[in-house]
Amino acid sequence: MGWEHDLFQSLSPRRDCSIKGGLNMYQLGIDETLVSSTCDFKLGQLGMNDGSSAVYKWVQYDTGAGSVAAVAGQVAYYYTLDGYKNNQVTSDLSDSVEIGAGVLKSTPTDGQYCWIQIKGAATLTIALTAGADGDPLTPTGSGDGTLDVSGAVTDNVCAIAGDISDKEIACDFPF
């Protein structure tokens, strides 16, 4: 195996999932509905689709202590205290520190990898807990998989309500 093999490996999208941080580019042309039992991209890798302003992040899903299943179109939160740095998310709000991670675009099971939407317009499959168009949204005070209106300066604001009757939000989740 010579330089050709090394070059192919360096161009391959598969990355070591134990490596974190240091991301400085987007993976273009992703399938945001991809679910995988293997880590097909570097954890925390950012992705985009051609012709779209939405930004996605490659993460690992954890059902949490409550075994809360992932639902496409619902909000995921960073799992426990280390969820952000480990790129692990859950829909179990009680197992999070109430930091919104993004909107699930697929239905991974426990331990699987997937893309979540972190920037751009998104439509949820579950209603917001409360609010009106233009309100800042937070996981604090919400239920599993959704967001609520921010009522305190200490809330993690991760989205803005768009057309609340159509469950539309403008995502602004942390990178």
Protein backbone atom coordinates (compact mmCIF):
# COMPACT_ATOMS: atom_id res chain seq x y z
CA MET A 1 0.00 0.00 0.00
CA GLY A 2 1.65 3.15 -1.21
CA TRP A 3 0.91 6.80 -1.53
CA GLU A 4 -2.30 6.10 -3.51
CA HIS A 5 -3.82 4.33 -0.49
CA ASP A 6 -2.72 7.16 1.83
CA LEU A 7 -4.23 9.76 -0.50
CA PHE A 8 -7.52 7.83 -0.72
CA GLN A 9 -7.68 7.53 3.07
CA SER A 10 -7.07 11.25 3.50
CA LEU A 11 -9.93 12.06 1.10
CA SER A 12 -12.34 9.57 2.68
CA PRO A 13 -15.24 11.14 4.65
CA ARG A 14 -14.81 8.59 7.48
CA ARG A 15 -13.13 10.12 10.51
CA ASP A 16 -12.05 8.95 13.95
CA CYS A 17 -15.03 9.66 16.21
CA SER A 18 -12.83 10.00 19.28
CA ILE A 19 -11.23 13.18 17.90
CA LYS A 20 -12.99 16.38 18.87
CA GLY A 21 -12.59 20.04 18.00
CA GLY A 22 -10.45 21.73 15.42
CA LEU A 23 -13.16 21.82 12.75
CA ASN A 24 -12.66 24.51 10.17
CA MET A 25 -14.66 23.48 7.13
CA TYR A 26 -18.06 22.25 6.03
CA GLN A 27 -18.89 18.89 4.50
CA LEU A 28 -20.91 19.84 1.41
CA GLY A 29 -23.74 17.89 -0.20
CA ILE A 30 -24.69 15.88 2.89
CA ASP A 31 -27.76 13.68 3.32
CA GLU A 32 -29.18 15.27 6.46
CA THR A 33 -31.44 12.24 7.00
CA LEU A 34 -28.47 9.84 7.26
CA VAL A 35 -28.42 7.56 10.32
CA SER A 36 -25.41 5.34 10.89
CA SER A 37 -24.19 2.82 13.42
CA THR A 38 -20.64 3.86 12.54
CA CYS A 39 -19.21 7.34 12.73
CA ASP A 40 -19.12 8.32 9.05
CA PHE A 41 -17.81 11.83 9.74
CA LYS A 42 -15.77 13.46 12.47
CA LEU A 43 -17.97 14.11 15.51
CA GLY A 44 -18.92 17.77 15.47
CA GLN A 45 -18.35 18.03 11.70
CA LEU A 46 -20.48 20.77 10.15
CA GLY A 47 -22.36 20.14 6.92
CA MET A 48 -24.44 21.95 4.31
CA ASN A 49 -26.51 21.13 1.26
CA ASP A 50 -26.16 22.83 -2.10
CA GLY A 51 -28.62 25.69 -2.48
CA SER A 52 -29.57 25.76 1.21
CA SER A 53 -28.59 28.11 4.01
CA ALA A 54 -29.19 25.46 6.70
CA VAL A 55 -26.17 24.25 8.68
CA TYR A 56 -25.99 20.76 10.20
CA LYS A 57 -23.78 19.08 12.81
CA TRP A 58 -22.75 15.39 12.99
CA VAL A 59 -23.52 14.00 16.48
CA GLN A 60 -24.17 10.81 18.44
CA TYR A 61 -27.65 10.22 19.87
CA ASP A 62 -28.30 8.94 23.41
CA THR A 63 -31.82 8.00 24.53
CA GLY A 64 -30.97 9.04 28.10
CA ALA A 65 -32.22 7.56 31.35
CA GLY A 66 -35.82 7.97 30.24
CA SER A 67 -35.18 6.05 27.00
CA VAL A 68 -36.65 8.91 24.97
CA ALA A 69 -36.69 7.93 21.30
CA ALA A 70 -35.50 10.35 18.65
CA VAL A 71 -38.17 11.85 16.42
CA ALA A 72 -37.32 13.65 13.19
CA GLY A 73 -38.40 17.27 13.44
CA GLN A 74 -38.03 17.48 17.20
CA VAL A 75 -35.41 19.34 19.20
CA ALA A 76 -32.42 17.55 20.72
CA TYR A 77 -30.41 18.85 23.66
CA TYR A 78 -26.79 18.32 24.64
CA TYR A 79 -26.61 15.18 26.76
CA THR A 80 -25.40 15.78 30.36
CA LEU A 81 -22.61 18.18 31.28
CA ASP A 82 -20.16 16.87 28.67
CA GLY A 83 -22.65 16.62 25.81
CA TYR A 84 -21.43 19.68 23.95
CA LYS A 85 -17.74 18.80 24.00
CA ASN A 86 -18.49 15.13 23.21
CA ASN A 87 -21.09 15.97 20.52
CA GLN A 88 -23.71 13.76 22.19
CA VAL A 89 -27.38 14.72 22.11
CA THR A 90 -30.66 13.45 23.55
CA SER A 91 -34.35 14.25 23.36
CA ASP A 92 -34.62 13.58 27.10
CA LEU A 93 -34.68 17.09 28.53
CA SER A 94 -34.19 15.76 32.07
CA ASP A 95 -30.79 14.30 31.03
CA SER A 96 -29.59 17.58 29.58
CA VAL A 97 -28.34 20.81 31.07
CA GLU A 98 -31.02 22.61 29.04
CA ILE A 99 -28.73 23.59 26.19
CA GLY A 100 -30.43 23.13 22.85
CA ALA A 101 -28.33 21.18 20.34
CA GLY A 102 -30.42 21.25 17.17
CA VAL A 103 -33.37 19.82 15.28
CA LEU A 104 -33.20 16.10 14.52
CA LYS A 105 -33.51 15.35 10.80
CA SER A 106 -33.83 11.57 11.28
CA THR A 107 -34.65 8.95 13.92
CA PRO A 108 -31.44 7.44 15.28
CA THR A 109 -31.58 4.85 18.04
CA ASP A 110 -29.37 4.82 21.13
CA GLY A 111 -25.69 5.16 20.19
CA GLN A 112 -26.26 5.88 16.50
CA TYR A 113 -24.90 8.90 14.61
CA CYS A 114 -26.90 11.51 12.70
CA TRP A 115 -27.10 15.11 11.52
CA ILE A 116 -28.93 17.79 13.49
CA GLN A 117 -29.83 21.19 12.06
CA ILE A 118 -28.20 24.03 13.99
CA LYS A 119 -28.74 27.10 11.76
CA GLY A 120 -31.46 28.21 9.35
CA ALA A 121 -35.23 27.86 9.06
CA ALA A 122 -36.74 24.59 10.34
CA THR A 123 -40.20 23.17 10.85
CA LEU A 124 -40.83 21.16 14.00
CA THR A 125 -43.14 18.15 14.16
CA ILE A 126 -44.21 19.07 17.69
CA ALA A 127 -45.76 22.32 18.85
CA LEU A 128 -43.83 24.81 20.92
CA THR A 129 -44.83 24.89 24.59
CA ALA A 130 -45.94 28.53 24.33
CA GLY A 131 -45.16 31.80 22.63
CA ALA A 132 -45.81 34.04 19.68
CA ASP A 133 -44.09 34.79 16.39
CA GLY A 134 -40.70 36.42 16.99
CA ASP A 135 -40.25 35.16 20.58
CA PRO A 136 -36.83 33.90 21.72
CA LEU A 137 -36.95 30.15 22.42
CA THR A 138 -35.21 27.99 25.02
CA PRO A 139 -35.27 24.40 26.29
CA THR A 140 -35.86 25.74 29.83
CA GLY A 141 -39.47 25.09 30.83
CA SER A 142 -40.26 23.02 27.74
CA GLY A 143 -41.06 19.33 27.37
CA ASP A 144 -39.03 16.62 25.64
CA GLY A 145 -38.37 17.46 21.99
CA THR A 146 -39.63 21.03 21.98
CA LEU A 147 -38.85 24.59 23.09
CA ASP A 148 -40.51 27.24 25.25
CA VAL A 149 -40.41 31.03 25.38
CA SER A 150 -37.36 32.41 27.13
CA GLY A 151 -38.37 34.16 30.34
CA ALA A 152 -35.02 34.84 31.99
CA VAL A 153 -31.69 36.30 30.97
CA THR A 154 -30.06 33.04 32.13
CA ASP A 155 -32.02 30.90 29.63
CA ASN A 156 -30.14 29.33 26.73
CA VAL A 157 -31.81 31.01 23.73
CA CYS A 158 -31.26 28.69 20.77
CA ALA A 159 -33.98 29.67 18.29
CA ILE A 160 -36.53 32.31 17.37
CA ALA A 161 -40.18 31.52 16.78
CA GLY A 162 -41.05 32.04 13.12
CA ASP A 163 -44.66 31.26 12.24
CA ILE A 164 -45.65 29.56 15.48
CA SER A 165 -48.94 28.24 14.07
CA ASP A 166 -46.91 26.29 11.47
CA LYS A 167 -44.26 25.21 14.05
CA GLU A 168 -41.57 27.14 12.18
CA ILE A 169 -38.43 28.32 13.94
CA ALA A 170 -35.20 30.06 12.99
CA CYS A 171 -32.44 27.86 14.38
CA ASP A 172 -29.53 29.50 16.17
CA PHE A 173 -28.15 26.56 18.14
CA PRO A 174 -24.48 26.68 19.24
CA PHE A 175 -21.88 25.34 16.80
